[in-house]
Amino acid sequence: MKPEINLDALLVLDAIARRGSFAGAAEELHRVPSSVTYAIQKLEDSLDVALFDRRGHRARLTPAGEALLREGRDLLRMADGLVRNVRRIATGWEAELRIAVEDLIPVDKVLALCEAFYDEVSDTRLRISTEVLGGTWDALVSGRADLVIGAPGDGPPGGGYAVHPLGEVEFVFAVAPDHPLADEPEPLTNDLIRQHRAVAAADSSRGLPPRTVGLLPGQPVFTVPDLIMKREAQKRGLGVGYLPVHLIAAEIAAGELVIKATEDGRSTRHALFYAWPSRNPGKALDWFTQRFRKGAVPEWFSV
């Protein structure tokens, strides 16, 4: 019998690998566990290979399973792109619009924009993801996002995307009121700052080189996944570092964080951008980009 691999089986394989169990995959796919088990058994019988080592509590891929998963994910991405392209050609509206948002973008501003979209359009699904630093560019160039909001600095080489300025965000050096640096005279020197632990939000890039901001050579670092946890860590005195003013306005007013001038200045401003692939945008993507171009969105970084 000729081996058969269908997209549904690859979806099940991918879900099991990500969730770590057949039960977790069944929950994600809204299926009964027996359906997931049957799909994998049928795939294994067709290929005449074992895809999972079922010893232990966690489903672990065999080498053959890992190879199939790598190639299978490429097929799933290609199939998804094909479906999306066919839908866009037929109607002009994307079946789904994937938007990657830098984590310093205010959530309420993003939701307000989505609310306005849904008031006019109901047929396109919106999928929002959060990225940190260069992760926005990574999401765009890897095809994980159709639109990125808040991409920092220069984009990666190679082009193939349209870029427009979103605005500037102001960063200040902030410490907890009981941190040793809080009572030091200003401006704080880099040599003094280097003696204290920094809190850094990890770049979420998967393929592009990760970016770092505001770290000094030789400075100890406590790495967290996003700016919200970075803010909370600095409030607890776990470290110091630069934070966007609009994200810590309430903490500054409450005395939970103290702004300190450094030898590099009282604050620094960074330009952010929104960007999308330059090839044949659909109507949903065009709706969002037109909103930005016409200034129909609120000031993103107002305090």
C-alpha atoms as a PDB file:
ATOM      1  CA  MET A   1       0.000   0.000   0.000  1.00  0.00           C
ATOM      2  CA  LYS A   2       1.296   3.451  -0.924  1.00  0.00           C
ATOM      3  CA  PRO A   3       2.082   5.559   2.176  1.00  0.00           C
ATOM      4  CA  GLU A   4      -0.398   8.375   2.748  1.00  0.00           C
ATOM      5  CA  ILE A   5       0.146  11.611   4.636  1.00  0.00           C
ATOM      6  CA  ASN A   6      -2.726  14.062   4.953  1.00  0.00           C
ATOM      7  CA  LEU A   7      -2.793  17.549   6.397  1.00  0.00           C
ATOM      8  CA  ASP A   8      -5.156  16.560   9.208  1.00  0.00           C
ATOM      9  CA  ALA A   9      -2.680  13.982  10.488  1.00  0.00           C
ATOM     10  CA  LEU A  10       0.100  16.562  10.359  1.00  0.00           C
ATOM     11  CA  LEU A  11      -2.064  18.987  12.352  1.00  0.00           C
ATOM     12  CA  VAL A  12      -2.551  16.306  15.005  1.00  0.00           C
ATOM     13  CA  LEU A  13       1.179  15.508  15.051  1.00  0.00           C
ATOM     14  CA  ASP A  14       2.052  19.183  15.462  1.00  0.00           C
ATOM     15  CA  ALA A  15      -0.463  19.649  18.294  1.00  0.00           C
ATOM     16  CA  ILE A  16       0.849  16.630  20.213  1.00  0.00           C
ATOM     17  CA  ALA A  17       4.448  17.835  19.854  1.00  0.00           C
ATOM     18  CA  ARG A  18       3.579  21.313  21.118  1.00  0.00           C
ATOM     19  CA  ARG A  19       1.250  20.265  23.939  1.00  0.00           C
ATOM     20  CA  GLY A  20       3.365  17.296  25.050  1.00  0.00           C
ATOM     21  CA  SER A  21       0.522  14.800  25.239  1.00  0.00           C
ATOM     22  CA  PHE A  22      -2.284  13.229  23.227  1.00  0.00           C
ATOM     23  CA  ALA A  23      -4.812  14.568  25.741  1.00  0.00           C
ATOM     24  CA  GLY A  24      -3.460  18.112  25.386  1.00  0.00           C
ATOM     25  CA  ALA A  25      -3.669  17.874  21.605  1.00  0.00           C
ATOM     26  CA  ALA A  26      -7.246  16.598  21.820  1.00  0.00           C
ATOM     27  CA  GLU A  27      -8.174  19.563  24.009  1.00  0.00           C
ATOM     28  CA  GLU A  28      -6.579  22.061  21.619  1.00  0.00           C
ATOM     29  CA  LEU A  29      -8.171  20.503  18.548  1.00  0.00           C
ATOM     30  CA  HIS A  30     -11.569  20.070  20.255  1.00  0.00           C
ATOM     31  CA  ARG A  31     -11.581  16.332  19.626  1.00  0.00           C
ATOM     32  CA  VAL A  32     -11.997  13.257  21.764  1.00  0.00           C
ATOM     33  CA  PRO A  33      -8.655  11.643  22.738  1.00  0.00           C
ATOM     34  CA  SER A  34      -9.470   8.464  20.826  1.00  0.00           C
ATOM     35  CA  SER A  35      -9.712  10.470  17.600  1.00  0.00           C
ATOM     36  CA  VAL A  36      -6.214  11.866  18.121  1.00  0.00           C
ATOM     37  CA  THR A  37      -4.811   8.423  18.947  1.00  0.00           C
ATOM     38  CA  TYR A  38      -6.445   6.918  15.865  1.00  0.00           C
ATOM     39  CA  ALA A  39      -5.053   9.618  13.559  1.00  0.00           C
ATOM     40  CA  ILE A  40      -1.491   8.935  14.733  1.00  0.00           C
ATOM     41  CA  GLN A  41      -1.875   5.163  14.634  1.00  0.00           C
ATOM     42  CA  LYS A  42      -3.210   5.380  11.069  1.00  0.00           C
ATOM     43  CA  LEU A  43      -0.276   7.589  10.074  1.00  0.00           C
ATOM     44  CA  GLU A  44       2.239   5.226  11.702  1.00  0.00           C
ATOM     45  CA  ASP A  45       0.646   2.216   9.985  1.00  0.00           C
ATOM     46  CA  SER A  46       0.732   3.987   6.627  1.00  0.00           C
ATOM     47  CA  LEU A  47       4.411   4.933   6.972  1.00  0.00           C
ATOM     48  CA  ASP A  48       5.335   1.725   8.838  1.00  0.00           C
ATOM     49  CA  VAL A  49       7.325   3.696  11.425  1.00  0.00           C
ATOM     50  CA  ALA A  50       6.879   4.629  15.068  1.00  0.00           C
ATOM     51  CA  LEU A  51       6.441   8.401  15.428  1.00  0.00           C
ATOM     52  CA  PHE A  52       6.229   8.547  19.234  1.00  0.00           C
ATOM     53  CA  ASP A  53       8.052   6.833  22.068  1.00  0.00           C
ATOM     54  CA  ARG A  54       5.116   6.134  24.337  1.00  0.00           C
ATOM     55  CA  ARG A  55       7.155   5.159  27.386  1.00  0.00           C
ATOM     56  CA  GLY A  56       6.623   7.583  30.246  1.00  0.00           C
ATOM     57  CA  HIS A  57       3.916  10.190  30.787  1.00  0.00           C
ATOM     58  CA  ARG A  58       5.012  12.630  28.079  1.00  0.00           C
ATOM     59  CA  ALA A  59       4.668  11.839  24.395  1.00  0.00           C
ATOM     60  CA  ARG A  60       8.162  12.020  22.915  1.00  0.00           C
ATOM     61  CA  LEU A  61       8.884  12.023  19.210  1.00  0.00           C
ATOM     62  CA  THR A  62      11.158   9.386  17.753  1.00  0.00           C
ATOM     63  CA  PRO A  63      13.856  10.568  15.311  1.00  0.00           C
ATOM     64  CA  ALA A  64      11.515   9.624  12.484  1.00  0.00           C
ATOM     65  CA  GLY A  65       8.728  11.597  14.138  1.00  0.00           C
ATOM     66  CA  GLU A  66      10.960  14.654  14.526  1.00  0.00           C
ATOM     67  CA  ALA A  67      11.893  14.511  10.839  1.00  0.00           C
ATOM     68  CA  LEU A  68       8.256  14.226   9.800  1.00  0.00           C
ATOM     69  CA  LEU A  69       7.291  17.099  12.095  1.00  0.00           C
ATOM     70  CA  ARG A  70       9.925  19.414  10.599  1.00  0.00           C
ATOM     71  CA  GLU A  71       8.867  18.678   7.030  1.00  0.00           C
ATOM     72  CA  GLY A  72       5.201  18.536   7.990  1.00  0.00           C
ATOM     73  CA  ARG A  73       5.213  22.016   9.480  1.00  0.00           C
ATOM     74  CA  ASP A  74       6.563  23.340   6.188  1.00  0.00           C
ATOM     75  CA  LEU A  75       3.681  21.641   4.390  1.00  0.00           C
ATOM     76  CA  LEU A  76       1.161  23.071   6.855  1.00  0.00           C
ATOM     77  CA  ARG A  77       2.525  26.578   6.325  1.00  0.00           C
ATOM     78  CA  MET A  78       2.366  26.127   2.555  1.00  0.00           C
ATOM     79  CA  ALA A  79      -1.204  24.828   2.746  1.00  0.00           C
ATOM     80  CA  ASP A  80      -2.250  27.681   5.010  1.00  0.00           C
ATOM     81  CA  GLY A  81      -0.695  30.187   2.611  1.00  0.00           C
ATOM     82  CA  LEU A  82      -2.497  28.555  -0.312  1.00  0.00           C
ATOM     83  CA  VAL A  83      -5.884  28.722   1.412  1.00  0.00           C
ATOM     84  CA  ARG A  84      -5.324  32.320   2.445  1.00  0.00           C
ATOM     85  CA  ASN A  85      -4.251  33.309  -1.063  1.00  0.00           C
ATOM     86  CA  VAL A  86      -7.210  31.594  -2.722  1.00  0.00           C
ATOM     87  CA  ARG A  87      -9.611  33.300  -0.303  1.00  0.00           C
ATOM     88  CA  ARG A  88      -7.971  36.676  -0.882  1.00  0.00           C
ATOM     89  CA  ILE A  89      -8.131  36.286  -4.669  1.00  0.00           C
ATOM     90  CA  ALA A  90     -11.772  35.205  -4.572  1.00  0.00           C
ATOM     91  CA  THR A  91     -13.108  37.914  -2.258  1.00  0.00           C
ATOM     92  CA  GLY A  92     -10.330  40.398  -1.661  1.00  0.00           C
ATOM     93  CA  TRP A  93     -10.747  39.832   2.094  1.00  0.00           C
ATOM     94  CA  GLU A  94      -8.283  37.649   3.962  1.00  0.00           C
ATOM     95  CA  ALA A  95      -9.698  34.668   5.850  1.00  0.00           C
ATOM     96  CA  GLU A  96      -7.409  35.659   8.724  1.00  0.00           C
ATOM     97  CA  LEU A  97      -5.160  38.635   9.431  1.00  0.00           C
ATOM     98  CA  ARG A  98      -2.235  37.981  11.755  1.00  0.00           C
ATOM     99  CA  ILE A  99      -0.992  41.031  13.632  1.00  0.00           C
ATOM    100  CA  ALA A 100       2.207  40.979  15.700  1.00  0.00           C
ATOM    101  CA  VAL A 101       2.308  43.711  18.334  1.00  0.00           C
ATOM    102  CA  GLU A 102       5.433  44.859  20.159  1.00  0.00           C
ATOM    103  CA  ASP A 103       4.835  44.424  23.875  1.00  0.00           C
ATOM    104  CA  LEU A 104       5.272  48.111  24.714  1.00  0.00           C
ATOM    105  CA  ILE A 105       2.227  49.002  22.592  1.00  0.00           C
ATOM    106  CA  PRO A 106      -0.728  49.793  24.913  1.00  0.00           C
ATOM    107  CA  VAL A 107      -3.227  46.946  24.845  1.00  0.00           C
ATOM    108  CA  ASP A 108      -6.250  49.259  24.979  1.00  0.00           C
ATOM    109  CA  LYS A 109      -5.126  51.063  21.818  1.00  0.00           C
ATOM    110  CA  VAL A 110      -4.779  47.774  19.929  1.00  0.00           C
ATOM    111  CA  LEU A 111      -8.177  46.544  21.104  1.00  0.00           C
ATOM    112  CA  ALA A 112      -9.826  49.838  20.172  1.00  0.00           C
ATOM    113  CA  LEU A 113      -8.473  49.444  16.646  1.00  0.00           C
ATOM    114  CA  CYS A 114      -9.729  45.845  16.468  1.00  0.00           C
ATOM    115  CA  GLU A 115     -13.111  46.934  17.781  1.00  0.00           C
ATOM    116  CA  ALA A 116     -13.415  49.511  15.001  1.00  0.00           C
ATOM    117  CA  PHE A 117     -12.467  46.836  12.461  1.00  0.00           C
ATOM    118  CA  TYR A 118     -15.082  44.375  13.706  1.00  0.00           C
ATOM    119  CA  ASP A 119     -17.718  47.115  13.596  1.00  0.00           C
ATOM    120  CA  GLU A 120     -17.187  47.225   9.826  1.00  0.00           C
ATOM    121  CA  VAL A 121     -15.902  43.748   8.932  1.00  0.00           C
ATOM    122  CA  SER A 122     -17.037  40.390  10.263  1.00  0.00           C
ATOM    123  CA  ASP A 123     -15.677  37.862   7.785  1.00  0.00           C
ATOM    124  CA  THR A 124     -11.945  38.210   8.533  1.00  0.00           C
ATOM    125  CA  ARG A 125     -10.571  36.654  11.718  1.00  0.00           C
ATOM    126  CA  LEU A 126      -7.958  38.652  13.619  1.00  0.00           C
ATOM    127  CA  ARG A 127      -5.121  36.849  15.353  1.00  0.00           C
ATOM    128  CA  ILE A 128      -3.012  39.015  17.665  1.00  0.00           C
ATOM    129  CA  SER A 129       0.392  37.920  18.948  1.00  0.00           C
ATOM    130  CA  THR A 130       2.869  39.730  21.174  1.00  0.00           C
ATOM    131  CA  GLU A 131       6.552  40.074  20.316  1.00  0.00           C
ATOM    132  CA  VAL A 132       9.526  41.673  22.062  1.00  0.00           C
ATOM    133  CA  LEU A 133      12.154  43.884  20.383  1.00  0.00           C
ATOM    134  CA  GLY A 134      13.231  42.349  17.066  1.00  0.00           C
ATOM    135  CA  GLY A 135      10.609  39.638  17.371  1.00  0.00           C
ATOM    136  CA  THR A 136       8.235  41.863  15.418  1.00  0.00           C
ATOM    137  CA  TRP A 137      10.579  41.939  12.423  1.00  0.00           C
ATOM    138  CA  ASP A 138      11.166  38.213  12.803  1.00  0.00           C
ATOM    139  CA  ALA A 139       7.417  37.559  12.700  1.00  0.00           C
ATOM    140  CA  LEU A 140       7.132  39.602   9.514  1.00  0.00           C
ATOM    141  CA  VAL A 141      10.033  38.185   7.512  1.00  0.00           C
ATOM    142  CA  SER A 142       9.296  34.595   8.576  1.00  0.00           C
ATOM    143  CA  GLY A 143       5.680  34.875   7.443  1.00  0.00           C
ATOM    144  CA  ARG A 144       4.188  34.515  10.923  1.00  0.00           C
ATOM    145  CA  ALA A 145       2.542  37.946  10.704  1.00  0.00           C
ATOM    146  CA  ASP A 146       0.805  39.963   7.991  1.00  0.00           C
ATOM    147  CA  LEU A 147       1.181  43.247   9.874  1.00  0.00           C
ATOM    148  CA  VAL A 148       3.505  44.302  12.685  1.00  0.00           C
ATOM    149  CA  ILE A 149       2.867  47.225  15.015  1.00  0.00           C
ATOM    150  CA  GLY A 150       5.729  48.754  16.955  1.00  0.00           C
ATOM    151  CA  ALA A 151       8.719  47.314  15.103  1.00  0.00           C
ATOM    152  CA  PRO A 152      11.866  48.975  16.472  1.00  0.00           C
ATOM    153  CA  GLY A 153      14.636  50.642  14.489  1.00  0.00           C
ATOM    154  CA  ASP A 154      15.893  49.423  11.163  1.00  0.00           C
ATOM    155  CA  GLY A 155      14.328  46.362   9.588  1.00  0.00           C
ATOM    156  CA  PRO A 156      16.346  43.329   8.488  1.00  0.00           C
ATOM    157  CA  PRO A 157      18.082  43.434   5.096  1.00  0.00           C
ATOM    158  CA  GLY A 158      16.424  42.006   2.042  1.00  0.00           C
ATOM    159  CA  GLY A 159      13.363  44.221   1.838  1.00  0.00           C
ATOM    160  CA  GLY A 160      10.050  42.918   0.592  1.00  0.00           C
ATOM    161  CA  TYR A 161       8.019  44.933   3.065  1.00  0.00           C
ATOM    162  CA  ALA A 162       6.544  48.409   3.421  1.00  0.00           C
ATOM    163  CA  VAL A 163       7.526  50.447   6.483  1.00  0.00           C
ATOM    164  CA  HIS A 164       5.966  53.588   7.941  1.00  0.00           C
ATOM    165  CA  PRO A 165       6.673  55.486  11.176  1.00  0.00           C
ATOM    166  CA  LEU A 166       4.264  54.870  14.051  1.00  0.00           C
ATOM    167  CA  GLY A 167       5.725  57.333  16.544  1.00  0.00           C
ATOM    168  CA  GLU A 168       8.402  57.749  19.170  1.00  0.00           C
ATOM    169  CA  VAL A 169       8.413  56.273  22.650  1.00  0.00           C
ATOM    170  CA  GLU A 170      10.303  57.832  25.552  1.00  0.00           C
ATOM    171  CA  PHE A 171      12.383  55.585  27.823  1.00  0.00           C
ATOM    172  CA  VAL A 172      13.678  56.564  31.262  1.00  0.00           C
ATOM    173  CA  PHE A 173      16.064  54.857  33.663  1.00  0.00           C
ATOM    174  CA  ALA A 174      13.935  53.628  36.581  1.00  0.00           C
ATOM    175  CA  VAL A 175      14.751  52.045  39.941  1.00  0.00           C
ATOM    176  CA  ALA A 176      12.764  50.997  42.998  1.00  0.00           C
ATOM    177  CA  PRO A 177      12.758  53.633  45.791  1.00  0.00           C
ATOM    178  CA  ASP A 178      14.652  51.273  48.131  1.00  0.00           C
ATOM    179  CA  HIS A 179      17.271  50.305  45.526  1.00  0.00           C
ATOM    180  CA  PRO A 180      20.835  51.491  46.299  1.00  0.00           C
ATOM    181  CA  LEU A 181      20.893  53.623  43.145  1.00  0.00           C
ATOM    182  CA  ALA A 182      17.808  55.565  44.248  1.00  0.00           C
ATOM    183  CA  ASP A 183      19.849  57.665  46.702  1.00  0.00           C
ATOM    184  CA  GLU A 184      22.923  58.101  44.501  1.00  0.00           C
ATOM    185  CA  PRO A 185      23.586  61.637  43.176  1.00  0.00           C
ATOM    186  CA  GLU A 186      22.708  62.300  39.567  1.00  0.00           C
ATOM    187  CA  PRO A 187      23.679  61.781  36.900  1.00  0.00           C
ATOM    188  CA  LEU A 188      24.454  58.113  37.514  1.00  0.00           C
ATOM    189  CA  THR A 189      27.647  57.066  35.775  1.00  0.00           C
ATOM    190  CA  ASN A 190      27.812  53.975  33.613  1.00  0.00           C
ATOM    191  CA  ASP A 191      30.532  52.571  35.860  1.00  0.00           C
ATOM    192  CA  LEU A 192      28.191  52.846  38.838  1.00  0.00           C
ATOM    193  CA  ILE A 193      25.208  51.386  36.980  1.00  0.00           C
ATOM    194  CA  ARG A 194      27.346  48.484  35.757  1.00  0.00           C
ATOM    195  CA  GLN A 195      27.801  47.350  39.361  1.00  0.00           C
ATOM    196  CA  HIS A 196      24.078  46.619  39.686  1.00  0.00           C
ATOM    197  CA  ARG A 197      21.928  43.962  38.066  1.00  0.00           C
ATOM    198  CA  ALA A 198      19.891  44.974  35.027  1.00  0.00           C
ATOM    199  CA  VAL A 199      16.477  43.599  34.140  1.00  0.00           C
ATOM    200  CA  ALA A 200      16.122  42.846  30.439  1.00  0.00           C
ATOM    201  CA  ALA A 201      13.140  41.717  28.352  1.00  0.00           C
ATOM    202  CA  ALA A 202      14.265  38.882  26.078  1.00  0.00           C
ATOM    203  CA  ASP A 203      14.055  39.417  22.336  1.00  0.00           C
ATOM    204  CA  SER A 204      11.433  37.010  20.952  1.00  0.00           C
ATOM    205  CA  SER A 205      13.110  36.513  17.563  1.00  0.00           C
ATOM    206  CA  ARG A 206      13.268  32.923  16.372  1.00  0.00           C
ATOM    207  CA  GLY A 207      15.436  33.299  13.295  1.00  0.00           C
ATOM    208  CA  LEU A 208      16.864  36.819  13.312  1.00  0.00           C
ATOM    209  CA  PRO A 209      19.751  37.777  15.642  1.00  0.00           C
ATOM    210  CA  PRO A 210      18.332  38.932  19.007  1.00  0.00           C
ATOM    211  CA  ARG A 211      18.576  42.604  19.952  1.00  0.00           C
ATOM    212  CA  THR A 212      19.481  44.115  23.308  1.00  0.00           C
ATOM    213  CA  VAL A 213      18.774  47.629  24.544  1.00  0.00           C
ATOM    214  CA  GLY A 214      20.240  49.590  27.459  1.00  0.00           C
ATOM    215  CA  LEU A 215      22.658  46.947  28.753  1.00  0.00           C
ATOM    216  CA  LEU A 216      26.241  47.819  29.667  1.00  0.00           C
ATOM    217  CA  PRO A 217      29.198  45.510  28.969  1.00  0.00           C
ATOM    218  CA  GLY A 218      29.893  43.261  31.937  1.00  0.00           C
ATOM    219  CA  GLN A 219      26.649  44.142  33.720  1.00  0.00           C
ATOM    220  CA  PRO A 220      24.831  41.236  35.415  1.00  0.00           C
ATOM    221  CA  VAL A 221      21.443  40.593  33.832  1.00  0.00           C
ATOM    222  CA  PHE A 222      18.135  39.180  35.015  1.00  0.00           C
ATOM    223  CA  THR A 223      16.196  38.199  31.855  1.00  0.00           C
ATOM    224  CA  VAL A 224      12.399  38.147  31.773  1.00  0.00           C
ATOM    225  CA  PRO A 225       9.965  37.444  28.916  1.00  0.00           C
ATOM    226  CA  ASP A 226       8.357  40.877  28.441  1.00  0.00           C
ATOM    227  CA  LEU A 227       8.180  44.510  29.540  1.00  0.00           C
ATOM    228  CA  ILE A 228       5.353  43.945  32.009  1.00  0.00           C
ATOM    229  CA  MET A 229       7.429  41.473  34.011  1.00  0.00           C
ATOM    230  CA  LYS A 230      10.454  43.752  33.624  1.00  0.00           C
ATOM    231  CA  ARG A 231       8.471  46.606  35.176  1.00  0.00           C
ATOM    232  CA  GLU A 232       7.303  44.402  38.047  1.00  0.00           C
ATOM    233  CA  ALA A 233      10.824  43.084  38.643  1.00  0.00           C
ATOM    234  CA  GLN A 234      12.222  46.611  38.840  1.00  0.00           C
ATOM    235  CA  LYS A 235       9.464  47.638  41.253  1.00  0.00           C
ATOM    236  CA  ARG A 236      10.681  44.816  43.536  1.00  0.00           C
ATOM    237  CA  GLY A 237      14.267  46.007  43.291  1.00  0.00           C
ATOM    238  CA  LEU A 238      15.412  42.911  41.425  1.00  0.00           C
ATOM    239  CA  GLY A 239      17.330  45.100  39.018  1.00  0.00           C
ATOM    240  CA  VAL A 240      17.370  48.378  37.123  1.00  0.00           C
ATOM    241  CA  GLY A 241      16.955  49.527  33.564  1.00  0.00           C
ATOM    242  CA  TYR A 242      15.123  51.614  31.022  1.00  0.00           C
ATOM    243  CA  LEU A 243      11.336  51.490  30.771  1.00  0.00           C
ATOM    244  CA  PRO A 244       8.865  53.352  28.525  1.00  0.00           C
ATOM    245  CA  VAL A 245       7.305  56.325  30.319  1.00  0.00           C
ATOM    246  CA  HIS A 246       3.751  55.517  29.239  1.00  0.00           C
ATOM    247  CA  LEU A 247       4.061  52.041  30.794  1.00  0.00           C
ATOM    248  CA  ILE A 248       5.168  53.254  34.229  1.00  0.00           C
ATOM    249  CA  ALA A 249       3.277  56.538  34.658  1.00  0.00           C
ATOM    250  CA  ALA A 250       1.113  55.127  37.453  1.00  0.00           C
ATOM    251  CA  GLU A 251       4.110  53.605  39.240  1.00  0.00           C
ATOM    252  CA  ILE A 252       6.018  56.881  39.094  1.00  0.00           C
ATOM    253  CA  ALA A 253       3.025  58.798  40.458  1.00  0.00           C
ATOM    254  CA  ALA A 254       2.642  56.266  43.287  1.00  0.00           C
ATOM    255  CA  GLY A 255       6.340  56.379  44.177  1.00  0.00           C
ATOM    256  CA  GLU A 256       6.837  52.721  43.275  1.00  0.00           C
ATOM    257  CA  LEU A 257       9.521  53.626  40.753  1.00  0.00           C
ATOM    258  CA  VAL A 258      11.987  56.517  40.711  1.00  0.00           C
ATOM    259  CA  ILE A 259      13.410  58.090  37.547  1.00  0.00           C
ATOM    260  CA  LYS A 260      17.151  58.710  37.651  1.00  0.00           C
ATOM    261  CA  ALA A 261      19.227  60.745  35.202  1.00  0.00           C
ATOM    262  CA  THR A 262      22.272  58.966  33.833  1.00  0.00           C
ATOM    263  CA  GLU A 263      25.407  60.236  32.164  1.00  0.00           C
ATOM    264  CA  ASP A 264      23.685  59.375  28.874  1.00  0.00           C
ATOM    265  CA  GLY A 265      20.832  61.780  29.637  1.00  0.00           C
ATOM    266  CA  ARG A 266      17.525  62.084  31.442  1.00  0.00           C
ATOM    267  CA  SER A 267      15.641  60.063  28.837  1.00  0.00           C
ATOM    268  CA  THR A 268      15.999  58.586  25.390  1.00  0.00           C
ATOM    269  CA  ARG A 269      13.522  58.318  22.539  1.00  0.00           C
ATOM    270  CA  HIS A 270      13.182  55.434  20.120  1.00  0.00           C
ATOM    271  CA  ALA A 271      11.283  55.432  16.830  1.00  0.00           C
ATOM    272  CA  LEU A 272       8.828  52.614  16.188  1.00  0.00           C
ATOM    273  CA  PHE A 273       7.231  51.543  12.932  1.00  0.00           C
ATOM    274  CA  TYR A 274       4.391  49.525  11.474  1.00  0.00           C
ATOM    275  CA  ALA A 275       5.194  47.290   8.528  1.00  0.00           C
ATOM    276  CA  TRP A 276       3.686  44.663   6.241  1.00  0.00           C
ATOM    277  CA  PRO A 277       4.694  42.580   3.211  1.00  0.00           C
ATOM    278  CA  SER A 278       4.660  44.769   0.119  1.00  0.00           C
ATOM    279  CA  ARG A 279       3.116  42.150  -2.141  1.00  0.00           C
ATOM    280  CA  ASN A 280      -0.617  42.353  -2.954  1.00  0.00           C
ATOM    281  CA  PRO A 281      -2.183  43.354   0.374  1.00  0.00           C
ATOM    282  CA  GLY A 282      -5.738  42.173   0.961  1.00  0.00           C
ATOM    283  CA  LYS A 283      -8.624  44.384   2.006  1.00  0.00           C
ATOM    284  CA  ALA A 284      -8.277  43.684   5.758  1.00  0.00           C
ATOM    285  CA  LEU A 285      -4.608  44.594   5.780  1.00  0.00           C
ATOM    286  CA  ASP A 286      -5.400  47.663   3.684  1.00  0.00           C
ATOM    287  CA  TRP A 287      -8.062  48.668   6.231  1.00  0.00           C
ATOM    288  CA  PHE A 288      -5.500  48.743   9.028  1.00  0.00           C
ATOM    289  CA  THR A 289      -2.761  50.484   7.073  1.00  0.00           C
ATOM    290  CA  GLN A 290      -5.178  53.140   5.854  1.00  0.00           C
ATOM    291  CA  ARG A 291      -6.191  53.794   9.466  1.00  0.00           C
ATOM    292  CA  PHE A 292      -2.575  54.462  10.359  1.00  0.00           C
ATOM    293  CA  ARG A 293      -1.924  56.586   7.285  1.00  0.00           C
ATOM    294  CA  LYS A 294      -4.967  58.794   7.848  1.00  0.00           C
ATOM    295  CA  GLY A 295      -4.100  59.351  11.487  1.00  0.00           C
ATOM    296  CA  ALA A 296      -7.345  57.717  12.569  1.00  0.00           C
ATOM    297  CA  VAL A 297      -5.677  55.990  15.507  1.00  0.00           C
ATOM    298  CA  PRO A 298      -5.026  57.660  18.872  1.00  0.00           C
ATOM    299  CA  GLU A 299      -1.595  58.735  20.074  1.00  0.00           C
ATOM    300  CA  TRP A 300      -0.104  55.365  20.968  1.00  0.00           C
ATOM    301  CA  PHE A 301       2.317  56.480  23.661  1.00  0.00           C
ATOM    302  CA  SER A 302       0.514  59.274  25.471  1.00  0.00           C
ATOM    303  CA  VAL A 303       0.729  59.195  29.265  1.00  0.00           C
END
